[in-house]
Amino acid sequence: MARYTGPVCRLCRRTGEKLYLKGEKCFTNKCPFEKRPYPPGQHGPLQRKVKLSIYGQQLREKQKVKWMYGMLEAQFKRFFRIAQHMPGNTGENFLSLLERRLDNVVFRAGFAKNRRQARQFVRHGHILVNGEKADIPSYIVKVGDVIQVADHFKNNAELQAALKMNRPSPSWLSIDRNTLKAQVVRLPQREDITAPINERLIVEFYSR
C-alpha cells in the first residue's frame, strides 16, 4: 500500500507544531522544528504571520492528524466514512478507529519508537494478533485481542531501543513488557488521546 516517504520533519514545520514523527529525536535539540519553527520554503518565516481562514484551519487540522497517523488521503477519508456510520459522536468514533489501527497499537504499547517504525514491524511479519501473524497495518483491533512480538524478533536491536524509551502506557491496553504482549481491555475513549487534536474541525471539513 502507498505511503508517504518524504522528510517527515517538514510535516511538523508545515502544521506549526511537533507531531513527534521521529521518536526520540523529537525530544532532543536535534529536532529541526526547534531550530526552524516555521513552514518550509523560501517564504516560510513570513507565513507564520498569515491568519488562516476557517477552511484553512479545517484543512490544516485534517492534514495534521493524517500525517500523525501516517496515512494517505484515500485511506484517511475511508476511515472517516466508517466513523460516520457508527452510532455516537462521529469525531470521537473516528479517533477511536485511528487509535485501534494495528500499527498505532504497536506504537502505543511501546514496541516501536514511532508509528512509522511500527508500520514496518507489522508489514515484515514481526507482530502477531491472537497468535497469528498479522501484516496489515490498518487492521482494526477489537476488545480482547492480544498483540505480541513474534519470538524471532524479540532480541532485535531496534525493538530493544524502543522498549528503553519507557513511554507511559494507555489505560485501554494491558501491557506485559516481559513477554512483549499487549491486550486490548476496552475501546479507547476521547480522554485517552492526549495529542492536541480538534476533531470537530475534521468533521466540518468532510461535511462541507
N, C-alpha and C. Protein backbone atom coordinates (compact mmCIF):
# COMPACT_ATOMS: atom_id res chain seq x y z
N MET A 1 0.84 -1.20 0.00
CA MET A 1 0.00 0.00 0.00
C MET A 1 0.88 1.25 0.00
N ALA A 2 0.43 2.31 -0.68
CA ALA A 2 1.20 3.54 -0.77
C ALA A 2 1.35 4.20 0.59
N ARG A 3 2.44 4.94 0.75
CA ARG A 3 2.70 5.65 1.99
C ARG A 3 3.58 6.84 1.70
N TYR A 4 3.60 7.79 2.60
CA TYR A 4 4.44 8.97 2.44
C TYR A 4 5.88 8.59 2.74
N THR A 5 6.80 8.94 1.83
CA THR A 5 8.20 8.57 2.00
C THR A 5 9.11 9.79 2.06
N GLY A 6 8.54 10.98 2.11
CA GLY A 6 9.34 12.19 2.14
C GLY A 6 9.85 12.52 3.54
N PRO A 7 10.54 13.65 3.69
CA PRO A 7 11.08 14.06 5.00
C PRO A 7 9.96 14.43 5.97
N VAL A 8 9.88 13.74 7.07
CA VAL A 8 8.75 13.94 7.99
C VAL A 8 8.88 15.21 8.82
N CYS A 9 10.09 15.70 9.01
CA CYS A 9 10.25 16.91 9.81
C CYS A 9 9.62 18.12 9.12
N ARG A 10 9.53 18.08 7.80
CA ARG A 10 8.85 19.15 7.08
C ARG A 10 7.36 19.19 7.42
N LEU A 11 6.80 18.03 7.75
CA LEU A 11 5.38 17.98 8.08
C LEU A 11 5.10 18.71 9.39
N CYS A 12 5.99 18.55 10.35
CA CYS A 12 5.82 19.27 11.62
C CYS A 12 5.89 20.78 11.38
N ARG A 13 6.84 21.19 10.57
CA ARG A 13 7.00 22.61 10.29
C ARG A 13 5.79 23.15 9.51
N ARG A 14 5.23 22.33 8.65
CA ARG A 14 4.07 22.76 7.87
C ARG A 14 2.85 22.99 8.76
N THR A 15 2.65 22.12 9.74
CA THR A 15 1.49 22.27 10.62
C THR A 15 1.71 23.28 11.74
N GLY A 16 2.97 23.63 11.99
CA GLY A 16 3.26 24.61 13.03
C GLY A 16 3.34 24.03 14.42
N GLU A 17 3.42 22.72 14.54
CA GLU A 17 3.58 22.09 15.85
C GLU A 17 4.25 20.73 15.70
N LYS A 18 4.85 20.27 16.78
CA LYS A 18 5.58 19.00 16.73
C LYS A 18 4.59 17.83 16.71
N LEU A 19 4.79 16.93 15.75
CA LEU A 19 3.94 15.75 15.62
C LEU A 19 4.63 14.50 16.16
N TYR A 20 5.89 14.62 16.57
CA TYR A 20 6.66 13.52 17.16
C TYR A 20 6.68 12.32 16.22
N LEU A 21 7.09 12.56 14.98
CA LEU A 21 7.09 11.52 13.96
C LEU A 21 8.40 10.73 13.91
N LYS A 22 9.45 11.22 14.60
CA LYS A 22 10.75 10.54 14.53
C LYS A 22 11.18 9.94 15.87
N GLY A 23 10.26 9.79 16.80
CA GLY A 23 10.60 9.14 18.05
C GLY A 23 11.48 9.99 18.95
N GLU A 24 12.56 9.42 19.44
CA GLU A 24 13.38 10.07 20.45
C GLU A 24 14.04 11.35 19.95
N LYS A 25 14.30 11.46 18.65
CA LYS A 25 14.93 12.67 18.12
C LYS A 25 14.07 13.89 18.37
N CYS A 26 12.76 13.70 18.39
CA CYS A 26 11.84 14.82 18.60
C CYS A 26 11.97 15.43 19.99
N PHE A 27 12.58 14.71 20.92
CA PHE A 27 12.71 15.19 22.29
C PHE A 27 14.09 15.78 22.57
N THR A 28 14.92 15.92 21.52
CA THR A 28 16.27 16.46 21.68
C THR A 28 16.39 17.79 20.94
N ASN A 29 17.54 18.45 21.16
CA ASN A 29 17.77 19.73 20.47
C ASN A 29 18.16 19.53 19.01
N LYS A 30 18.21 18.27 18.54
CA LYS A 30 18.48 18.00 17.13
C LYS A 30 17.22 18.08 16.28
N CYS A 31 16.09 18.24 16.93
CA CYS A 31 14.83 18.32 16.20
C CYS A 31 14.81 19.59 15.34
N PRO A 32 14.63 19.47 14.02
CA PRO A 32 14.61 20.65 13.13
C PRO A 32 13.56 21.68 13.50
N PHE A 33 12.45 21.24 14.09
CA PHE A 33 11.39 22.17 14.45
C PHE A 33 11.85 23.14 15.53
N GLU A 34 12.76 22.69 16.39
CA GLU A 34 13.28 23.57 17.44
C GLU A 34 14.09 24.71 16.84
N LYS A 35 14.78 24.44 15.73
CA LYS A 35 15.62 25.45 15.11
C LYS A 35 14.84 26.32 14.13
N ARG A 36 13.85 25.72 13.45
CA ARG A 36 13.08 26.46 12.44
C ARG A 36 11.59 26.18 12.61
N PRO A 37 10.97 26.78 13.60
CA PRO A 37 9.54 26.52 13.87
C PRO A 37 8.61 27.31 12.96
N TYR A 38 8.87 27.25 11.68
CA TYR A 38 8.05 27.94 10.69
C TYR A 38 7.94 27.06 9.45
N PRO A 39 6.95 27.30 8.58
CA PRO A 39 6.75 26.44 7.41
C PRO A 39 8.00 26.36 6.53
N PRO A 40 8.20 25.25 5.84
CA PRO A 40 9.35 25.11 4.96
C PRO A 40 9.21 25.99 3.73
N GLY A 41 10.31 26.24 3.05
CA GLY A 41 10.27 27.05 1.84
C GLY A 41 10.91 28.41 2.03
N GLN A 42 11.15 29.09 0.92
CA GLN A 42 11.83 30.38 0.94
C GLN A 42 11.10 31.43 1.77
N HIS A 43 9.78 31.40 1.72
CA HIS A 43 8.99 32.40 2.43
C HIS A 43 8.37 31.85 3.71
N GLY A 44 8.93 30.78 4.21
CA GLY A 44 8.40 30.15 5.41
C GLY A 44 8.24 31.07 6.60
N PRO A 45 9.29 31.86 6.97
CA PRO A 45 9.17 32.73 8.15
C PRO A 45 8.02 33.73 8.03
N LEU A 46 7.71 34.18 6.82
CA LEU A 46 6.63 35.14 6.63
C LEU A 46 5.26 34.50 6.80
N GLN A 47 5.15 33.19 6.51
CA GLN A 47 3.86 32.51 6.58
C GLN A 47 3.34 32.37 7.99
N ARG A 48 4.22 32.51 8.98
CA ARG A 48 3.77 32.40 10.37
C ARG A 48 2.79 33.51 10.73
N LYS A 49 2.87 34.63 10.01
CA LYS A 49 2.04 35.78 10.35
C LYS A 49 0.72 35.80 9.58
N VAL A 50 0.53 34.84 8.67
CA VAL A 50 -0.70 34.80 7.88
C VAL A 50 -1.82 34.16 8.69
N LYS A 51 -2.96 34.85 8.78
CA LYS A 51 -4.11 34.31 9.52
C LYS A 51 -4.89 33.38 8.62
N LEU A 52 -5.13 32.16 9.09
CA LEU A 52 -5.84 31.16 8.29
C LEU A 52 -7.34 31.42 8.29
N SER A 53 -7.96 31.12 7.15
CA SER A 53 -9.42 31.16 7.07
C SER A 53 -9.98 29.95 7.81
N ILE A 54 -11.30 29.89 7.96
CA ILE A 54 -11.93 28.74 8.61
C ILE A 54 -11.61 27.47 7.85
N TYR A 55 -11.69 27.54 6.52
CA TYR A 55 -11.34 26.38 5.70
C TYR A 55 -9.88 25.99 5.89
N GLY A 56 -9.00 27.00 5.97
CA GLY A 56 -7.58 26.72 6.19
C GLY A 56 -7.33 26.02 7.51
N GLN A 57 -8.05 26.42 8.55
CA GLN A 57 -7.91 25.76 9.85
C GLN A 57 -8.37 24.32 9.78
N GLN A 58 -9.49 24.09 9.09
CA GLN A 58 -10.02 22.73 8.95
C GLN A 58 -9.04 21.85 8.17
N LEU A 59 -8.52 22.38 7.08
CA LEU A 59 -7.58 21.63 6.25
C LEU A 59 -6.31 21.31 7.00
N ARG A 60 -5.78 22.29 7.73
CA ARG A 60 -4.54 22.05 8.48
C ARG A 60 -4.73 20.99 9.55
N GLU A 61 -5.88 21.02 10.24
CA GLU A 61 -6.14 20.02 11.28
C GLU A 61 -6.26 18.63 10.68
N LYS A 62 -6.94 18.54 9.54
CA LYS A 62 -7.09 17.25 8.85
C LYS A 62 -5.73 16.72 8.41
N GLN A 63 -4.91 17.59 7.83
CA GLN A 63 -3.58 17.19 7.38
C GLN A 63 -2.71 16.76 8.56
N LYS A 64 -2.81 17.50 9.66
CA LYS A 64 -2.00 17.20 10.84
C LYS A 64 -2.28 15.80 11.37
N VAL A 65 -3.55 15.46 11.53
CA VAL A 65 -3.92 14.15 12.07
C VAL A 65 -3.57 13.04 11.08
N LYS A 66 -3.77 13.31 9.81
CA LYS A 66 -3.44 12.33 8.77
C LYS A 66 -1.95 12.01 8.79
N TRP A 67 -1.12 13.03 8.90
CA TRP A 67 0.33 12.82 8.96
C TRP A 67 0.74 12.18 10.28
N MET A 68 0.05 12.55 11.34
CA MET A 68 0.39 12.00 12.66
C MET A 68 0.24 10.47 12.67
N TYR A 69 -0.83 9.97 12.02
CA TYR A 69 -1.07 8.53 12.00
C TYR A 69 -0.46 7.85 10.77
N GLY A 70 0.26 8.61 9.94
CA GLY A 70 0.97 8.02 8.81
C GLY A 70 0.08 7.46 7.73
N MET A 71 -0.97 8.20 7.35
CA MET A 71 -1.92 7.71 6.37
C MET A 71 -1.97 8.65 5.17
N LEU A 72 -2.43 8.11 4.03
CA LEU A 72 -2.68 8.92 2.86
C LEU A 72 -4.17 9.28 2.81
N GLU A 73 -4.51 10.22 1.93
CA GLU A 73 -5.85 10.80 1.93
C GLU A 73 -6.97 9.78 1.74
N ALA A 74 -6.82 8.86 0.76
CA ALA A 74 -7.91 7.93 0.45
C ALA A 74 -8.25 7.06 1.65
N GLN A 75 -7.24 6.53 2.32
CA GLN A 75 -7.49 5.67 3.47
C GLN A 75 -8.01 6.47 4.66
N PHE A 76 -7.47 7.66 4.84
CA PHE A 76 -7.92 8.53 5.94
C PHE A 76 -9.41 8.86 5.78
N LYS A 77 -9.80 9.20 4.56
CA LYS A 77 -11.20 9.53 4.29
C LYS A 77 -12.09 8.31 4.46
N ARG A 78 -11.59 7.14 4.08
CA ARG A 78 -12.39 5.91 4.23
C ARG A 78 -12.66 5.63 5.71
N PHE A 79 -11.68 5.83 6.56
CA PHE A 79 -11.89 5.64 8.00
C PHE A 79 -12.93 6.63 8.53
N PHE A 80 -12.89 7.85 8.00
CA PHE A 80 -13.89 8.84 8.44
C PHE A 80 -15.29 8.42 8.03
N ARG A 81 -15.45 7.91 6.83
CA ARG A 81 -16.77 7.48 6.37
C ARG A 81 -17.29 6.32 7.22
N ILE A 82 -16.40 5.44 7.64
CA ILE A 82 -16.80 4.35 8.53
C ILE A 82 -17.31 4.92 9.85
N ALA A 83 -16.58 5.91 10.39
CA ALA A 83 -16.97 6.53 11.66
C ALA A 83 -18.32 7.21 11.55
N GLN A 84 -18.63 7.76 10.37
CA GLN A 84 -19.91 8.44 10.17
C GLN A 84 -21.09 7.49 10.34
N HIS A 85 -20.89 6.23 10.00
CA HIS A 85 -21.99 5.26 10.06
C HIS A 85 -22.04 4.51 11.39
N MET A 86 -21.18 4.89 12.33
CA MET A 86 -21.20 4.28 13.65
C MET A 86 -22.09 5.11 14.57
N PRO A 87 -22.75 4.48 15.54
CA PRO A 87 -23.57 5.26 16.48
C PRO A 87 -22.68 6.10 17.40
N GLY A 88 -23.18 7.28 17.76
CA GLY A 88 -22.42 8.14 18.65
C GLY A 88 -21.79 9.32 17.93
N ASN A 89 -20.83 9.96 18.61
CA ASN A 89 -20.16 11.14 18.09
C ASN A 89 -19.17 10.75 16.98
N THR A 90 -19.33 11.33 15.79
CA THR A 90 -18.50 10.96 14.65
C THR A 90 -17.02 11.24 14.90
N GLY A 91 -16.72 12.41 15.45
CA GLY A 91 -15.32 12.76 15.69
C GLY A 91 -14.64 11.81 16.66
N GLU A 92 -15.32 11.48 17.74
CA GLU A 92 -14.75 10.57 18.74
C GLU A 92 -14.64 9.15 18.17
N ASN A 93 -15.64 8.73 17.39
CA ASN A 93 -15.56 7.42 16.74
C ASN A 93 -14.36 7.35 15.80
N PHE A 94 -14.14 8.44 15.09
CA PHE A 94 -13.05 8.49 14.13
C PHE A 94 -11.70 8.34 14.82
N LEU A 95 -11.50 9.09 15.90
CA LEU A 95 -10.23 8.99 16.64
C LEU A 95 -10.06 7.61 17.25
N SER A 96 -11.15 7.01 17.71
CA SER A 96 -11.08 5.66 18.28
C SER A 96 -10.63 4.65 17.23
N LEU A 97 -11.15 4.79 16.00
CA LEU A 97 -10.74 3.89 14.92
C LEU A 97 -9.26 4.06 14.61
N LEU A 98 -8.79 5.30 14.57
CA LEU A 98 -7.37 5.55 14.29
C LEU A 98 -6.49 4.94 15.38
N GLU A 99 -6.92 5.06 16.62
CA GLU A 99 -6.13 4.52 17.73
C GLU A 99 -6.08 2.99 17.68
N ARG A 100 -7.12 2.37 17.14
CA ARG A 100 -7.20 0.91 17.12
C ARG A 100 -6.52 0.28 15.91
N ARG A 101 -5.92 1.10 15.05
CA ARG A 101 -5.12 0.54 13.96
C ARG A 101 -3.96 -0.25 14.55
N LEU A 102 -3.62 -1.37 13.93
CA LEU A 102 -2.59 -2.24 14.49
C LEU A 102 -1.25 -1.54 14.62
N ASP A 103 -0.86 -0.75 13.61
CA ASP A 103 0.43 -0.07 13.70
C ASP A 103 0.45 0.92 14.87
N ASN A 104 -0.69 1.58 15.11
CA ASN A 104 -0.75 2.51 16.24
C ASN A 104 -0.70 1.77 17.57
N VAL A 105 -1.36 0.61 17.65
CA VAL A 105 -1.35 -0.17 18.90
C VAL A 105 0.08 -0.64 19.22
N VAL A 106 0.81 -1.07 18.20
CA VAL A 106 2.21 -1.48 18.40
C VAL A 106 3.02 -0.30 18.93
N PHE A 107 2.77 0.88 18.39
CA PHE A 107 3.46 2.09 18.87
C PHE A 107 3.05 2.44 20.29
N ARG A 108 1.74 2.43 20.56
CA ARG A 108 1.24 2.77 21.89
C ARG A 108 1.74 1.80 22.96
N ALA A 109 1.93 0.55 22.55
CA ALA A 109 2.40 -0.46 23.51
C ALA A 109 3.89 -0.30 23.82
N GLY A 110 4.58 0.57 23.07
CA GLY A 110 6.00 0.79 23.31
C GLY A 110 6.90 -0.15 22.57
N PHE A 111 6.36 -0.88 21.59
CA PHE A 111 7.16 -1.84 20.84
C PHE A 111 7.85 -1.21 19.64
N ALA A 112 7.65 0.08 19.40
CA ALA A 112 8.29 0.79 18.30
C ALA A 112 8.50 2.25 18.72
N LYS A 113 9.51 2.90 18.15
CA LYS A 113 9.82 4.27 18.51
C LYS A 113 8.78 5.25 17.99
N ASN A 114 8.19 4.94 16.86
CA ASN A 114 7.19 5.81 16.26
C ASN A 114 6.26 4.96 15.40
N ARG A 115 5.21 5.56 14.88
CA ARG A 115 4.24 4.80 14.08
C ARG A 115 4.85 4.31 12.78
N ARG A 116 5.77 5.06 12.25
CA ARG A 116 6.42 4.65 11.00
C ARG A 116 7.17 3.33 11.20
N GLN A 117 7.90 3.24 12.30
CA GLN A 117 8.63 2.01 12.60
C GLN A 117 7.66 0.88 12.93
N ALA A 118 6.59 1.20 13.64
CA ALA A 118 5.59 0.19 13.98
C ALA A 118 4.98 -0.40 12.71
N ARG A 119 4.71 0.47 11.75
CA ARG A 119 4.15 0.01 10.47
C ARG A 119 5.11 -0.96 9.79
N GLN A 120 6.40 -0.66 9.83
CA GLN A 120 7.40 -1.54 9.23
C GLN A 120 7.44 -2.89 9.93
N PHE A 121 7.40 -2.89 11.26
CA PHE A 121 7.40 -4.14 12.01
C PHE A 121 6.21 -5.02 11.61
N VAL A 122 5.04 -4.38 11.47
CA VAL A 122 3.84 -5.13 11.10
C VAL A 122 3.97 -5.68 9.69
N ARG A 123 4.39 -4.85 8.74
CA ARG A 123 4.49 -5.27 7.35
C ARG A 123 5.48 -6.41 7.15
N HIS A 124 6.51 -6.46 7.99
CA HIS A 124 7.53 -7.50 7.87
C HIS A 124 7.19 -8.77 8.64
N GLY A 125 5.99 -8.82 9.22
CA GLY A 125 5.53 -10.04 9.86
C GLY A 125 6.09 -10.30 11.25
N HIS A 126 6.50 -9.23 11.94
CA HIS A 126 7.09 -9.40 13.27
C HIS A 126 6.06 -9.29 14.40
N ILE A 127 4.80 -9.04 14.04
CA ILE A 127 3.75 -8.84 15.04
C ILE A 127 2.66 -9.91 14.87
N LEU A 128 2.20 -10.44 15.99
CA LEU A 128 1.13 -11.44 15.99
C LEU A 128 -0.11 -10.87 16.67
N VAL A 129 -1.27 -11.24 16.15
CA VAL A 129 -2.54 -10.89 16.78
C VAL A 129 -3.27 -12.19 17.10
N ASN A 130 -3.49 -12.43 18.38
CA ASN A 130 -4.13 -13.68 18.84
C ASN A 130 -3.36 -14.91 18.33
N GLY A 131 -2.02 -14.79 18.33
CA GLY A 131 -1.17 -15.92 17.95
C GLY A 131 -0.96 -16.11 16.47
N GLU A 132 -1.61 -15.29 15.63
CA GLU A 132 -1.48 -15.41 14.18
C GLU A 132 -0.76 -14.19 13.62
N LYS A 133 0.09 -14.41 12.61
CA LYS A 133 0.81 -13.30 12.00
C LYS A 133 -0.18 -12.33 11.35
N ALA A 134 0.00 -11.04 11.63
CA ALA A 134 -0.84 -10.01 11.04
C ALA A 134 0.08 -8.98 10.39
N ASP A 135 0.01 -8.86 9.08
CA ASP A 135 0.93 -7.95 8.37
C ASP A 135 0.19 -6.80 7.68
N ILE A 136 -0.99 -6.44 8.20
CA ILE A 136 -1.76 -5.33 7.64
C ILE A 136 -1.80 -4.21 8.69
N PRO A 137 -1.06 -3.12 8.48
CA PRO A 137 -1.01 -2.05 9.49
C PRO A 137 -2.35 -1.44 9.82
N SER A 138 -3.29 -1.44 8.87
CA SER A 138 -4.59 -0.81 9.10
C SER A 138 -5.61 -1.73 9.76
N TYR A 139 -5.19 -2.93 10.12
CA TYR A 139 -6.10 -3.88 10.79
C TYR A 139 -6.63 -3.24 12.08
N ILE A 140 -7.94 -3.30 12.30
CA ILE A 140 -8.57 -2.70 13.48
C ILE A 140 -8.69 -3.76 14.58
N VAL A 141 -8.03 -3.53 15.70
CA VAL A 141 -8.08 -4.48 16.80
C VAL A 141 -9.40 -4.35 17.54
N LYS A 142 -9.79 -5.40 18.23
CA LYS A 142 -11.04 -5.44 19.00
C LYS A 142 -10.73 -5.70 20.47
N VAL A 143 -11.72 -5.46 21.30
CA VAL A 143 -11.56 -5.74 22.73
C VAL A 143 -11.28 -7.23 22.91
N GLY A 144 -10.24 -7.55 23.68
CA GLY A 144 -9.86 -8.93 23.92
C GLY A 144 -8.70 -9.40 23.05
N ASP A 145 -8.41 -8.68 21.97
CA ASP A 145 -7.30 -9.08 21.10
C ASP A 145 -5.97 -8.97 21.84
N VAL A 146 -5.10 -9.94 21.58
CA VAL A 146 -3.76 -9.95 22.16
C VAL A 146 -2.75 -9.68 21.06
N ILE A 147 -1.99 -8.61 21.22
CA ILE A 147 -0.97 -8.23 20.25
C ILE A 147 0.39 -8.54 20.86
N GLN A 148 1.23 -9.27 20.16
CA GLN A 148 2.53 -9.63 20.73
C GLN A 148 3.62 -9.61 19.66
N VAL A 149 4.85 -9.50 20.13
CA VAL A 149 6.01 -9.54 19.25
C VAL A 149 6.37 -11.00 19.00
N ALA A 150 6.63 -11.35 17.74
CA ALA A 150 7.00 -12.71 17.40
C ALA A 150 8.31 -13.10 18.08
N ASP A 151 8.45 -14.36 18.44
CA ASP A 151 9.64 -14.83 19.17
C ASP A 151 10.93 -14.53 18.44
N HIS A 152 10.93 -14.67 17.11
CA HIS A 152 12.16 -14.48 16.36
C HIS A 152 12.64 -13.03 16.34
N PHE A 153 11.77 -12.11 16.81
CA PHE A 153 12.09 -10.69 16.71
C PHE A 153 12.35 -10.04 18.07
N LYS A 154 12.22 -10.79 19.14
CA LYS A 154 12.27 -10.20 20.48
C LYS A 154 13.64 -9.63 20.85
N ASN A 155 14.70 -10.09 20.23
CA ASN A 155 16.04 -9.58 20.54
C ASN A 155 16.52 -8.54 19.54
N ASN A 156 15.64 -8.10 18.67
CA ASN A 156 16.01 -7.10 17.68
C ASN A 156 16.48 -5.81 18.35
N ALA A 157 17.53 -5.21 17.82
CA ALA A 157 18.12 -4.01 18.43
C ALA A 157 17.16 -2.82 18.40
N GLU A 158 16.44 -2.65 17.29
CA GLU A 158 15.51 -1.53 17.19
C GLU A 158 14.35 -1.69 18.17
N LEU A 159 13.87 -2.90 18.33
CA LEU A 159 12.81 -3.16 19.29
C LEU A 159 13.28 -2.87 20.70
N GLN A 160 14.47 -3.34 21.05
CA GLN A 160 15.01 -3.12 22.39
C GLN A 160 15.22 -1.63 22.67
N ALA A 161 15.65 -0.89 21.64
CA ALA A 161 15.83 0.55 21.81
C ALA A 161 14.50 1.23 22.07
N ALA A 162 13.44 0.77 21.40
CA ALA A 162 12.11 1.34 21.61
C ALA A 162 11.63 1.06 23.03
N LEU A 163 11.89 -0.14 23.53
CA LEU A 163 11.45 -0.50 24.88
C LEU A 163 12.14 0.35 25.93
N LYS A 164 13.38 0.76 25.66
CA LYS A 164 14.14 1.57 26.63
C LYS A 164 13.59 2.98 26.75
N MET A 165 12.80 3.43 25.77
CA MET A 165 12.21 4.76 25.86
C MET A 165 11.19 4.85 26.99
N ASN A 166 10.59 3.68 27.35
CA ASN A 166 9.72 3.58 28.52
C ASN A 166 8.63 4.66 28.54
N ARG A 167 7.88 4.74 27.45
CA ARG A 167 6.78 5.72 27.38
C ARG A 167 5.60 5.25 28.24
N PRO A 168 4.80 6.19 28.72
CA PRO A 168 3.61 5.81 29.51
C PRO A 168 2.63 5.02 28.65
N SER A 169 2.00 4.01 29.24
CA SER A 169 1.08 3.13 28.51
C SER A 169 -0.35 3.65 28.61
N PRO A 170 -1.13 3.57 27.54
CA PRO A 170 -2.53 3.98 27.60
C PRO A 170 -3.34 3.01 28.45
N SER A 171 -4.36 3.51 29.13
CA SER A 171 -5.12 2.67 30.06
C SER A 171 -6.00 1.65 29.35
N TRP A 172 -6.23 1.81 28.05
CA TRP A 172 -7.08 0.85 27.34
C TRP A 172 -6.29 -0.37 26.87
N LEU A 173 -4.98 -0.37 27.14
CA LEU A 173 -4.13 -1.51 26.83
C LEU A 173 -3.53 -2.08 28.11
N SER A 174 -3.51 -3.42 28.22
CA SER A 174 -2.81 -4.08 29.31
C SER A 174 -1.51 -4.64 28.73
N ILE A 175 -0.39 -4.11 29.19
CA ILE A 175 0.90 -4.42 28.55
C ILE A 175 1.81 -5.19 29.50
N ASP A 176 2.38 -6.26 28.99
CA ASP A 176 3.36 -7.06 29.72
C ASP A 176 4.69 -6.91 29.00
N ARG A 177 5.60 -6.12 29.55
CA ARG A 177 6.88 -5.87 28.91
C ARG A 177 7.80 -7.08 28.96
N ASN A 178 7.55 -8.00 29.88
CA ASN A 178 8.40 -9.19 29.98
C ASN A 178 8.15 -10.16 28.82
N THR A 179 6.88 -10.36 28.49
CA THR A 179 6.54 -11.27 27.40
C THR A 179 6.29 -10.54 26.09
N LEU A 180 6.36 -9.19 26.14
CA LEU A 180 6.11 -8.34 24.96
C LEU A 180 4.73 -8.63 24.37
N LYS A 181 3.73 -8.57 25.26
CA LYS A 181 2.35 -8.76 24.86
C LYS A 181 1.51 -7.57 25.32
N ALA A 182 0.49 -7.25 24.55
CA ALA A 182 -0.45 -6.19 24.91
C ALA A 182 -1.85 -6.68 24.58
N GLN A 183 -2.77 -6.47 25.51
CA GLN A 183 -4.16 -6.88 25.29
C GLN A 183 -5.07 -5.66 25.33
N VAL A 184 -6.02 -5.62 24.41
CA VAL A 184 -7.00 -4.54 24.37
C VAL A 184 -8.07 -4.83 25.41
N VAL A 185 -8.11 -4.07 26.48
CA VAL A 185 -9.05 -4.33 27.57
C VAL A 185 -10.36 -3.55 27.41
N ARG A 186 -10.31 -2.47 26.63
CA ARG A 186 -11.53 -1.69 26.33
C ARG A 186 -11.24 -0.82 25.11
N LEU A 187 -12.29 -0.24 24.57
CA LEU A 187 -12.11 0.66 23.44
C LEU A 187 -11.53 1.99 23.92
N PRO A 188 -10.64 2.58 23.14
CA PRO A 188 -10.08 3.88 23.55
C PRO A 188 -11.16 4.96 23.54
N GLN A 189 -11.13 5.82 24.56
CA GLN A 189 -12.08 6.92 24.69
C GLN A 189 -11.38 8.24 24.32
N ARG A 190 -12.17 9.28 24.17
CA ARG A 190 -11.61 10.58 23.78
C ARG A 190 -10.57 11.06 24.78
N GLU A 191 -10.82 10.85 26.07
CA GLU A 191 -9.88 11.33 27.08
C GLU A 191 -8.56 10.57 27.08
N ASP A 192 -8.50 9.42 26.40
CA ASP A 192 -7.26 8.67 26.32
C ASP A 192 -6.29 9.26 25.30
N ILE A 193 -6.78 10.14 24.45
CA ILE A 193 -5.95 10.71 23.39
C ILE A 193 -5.50 12.09 23.85
N THR A 194 -4.24 12.19 24.23
CA THR A 194 -3.74 13.43 24.81
C THR A 194 -3.13 14.38 23.78
N ALA A 195 -2.96 13.92 22.54
CA ALA A 195 -2.41 14.78 21.49
C ALA A 195 -3.37 15.95 21.24
N PRO A 196 -2.83 17.13 20.91
CA PRO A 196 -3.68 18.30 20.66
C PRO A 196 -4.43 18.19 19.34
N ILE A 197 -5.57 17.50 19.36
CA ILE A 197 -6.37 17.28 18.15
C ILE A 197 -7.75 17.89 18.35
N ASN A 198 -8.19 18.64 17.36
CA ASN A 198 -9.54 19.19 17.36
C ASN A 198 -10.34 18.46 16.29
N GLU A 199 -10.95 17.35 16.67
CA GLU A 199 -11.65 16.51 15.70
C GLU A 199 -12.87 17.21 15.10
N ARG A 200 -13.39 18.21 15.78
CA ARG A 200 -14.55 18.95 15.25
C ARG A 200 -14.20 19.61 13.91
N LEU A 201 -12.99 20.11 13.77
CA LEU A 201 -12.57 20.74 12.52
C LEU A 201 -12.51 19.72 11.38
N ILE A 202 -12.12 18.49 11.70
CA ILE A 202 -12.04 17.45 10.67
C ILE A 202 -13.44 17.07 10.22
N VAL A 203 -14.37 16.96 11.19
CA VAL A 203 -15.75 16.63 10.85
C VAL A 203 -16.34 17.72 9.96
N GLU A 204 -16.06 18.98 10.29
CA GLU A 204 -16.55 20.09 9.50
C GLU A 204 -15.95 20.08 8.10
N PHE A 205 -14.68 19.70 7.99
CA PHE A 205 -14.01 19.67 6.68
C PHE A 205 -14.69 18.66 5.76
N TYR A 206 -14.94 17.45 6.26
CA TYR A 206 -15.51 16.40 5.41
C TYR A 206 -17.04 16.55 5.26
N SER A 207 -17.64 17.46 6.03
CA SER A 207 -19.08 17.66 5.94
C SER A 207 -19.46 18.84 5.05
N ARG A 208 -18.47 19.43 4.43
CA ARG A 208 -18.75 20.59 3.57
C ARG A 208 -19.64 20.20 2.39
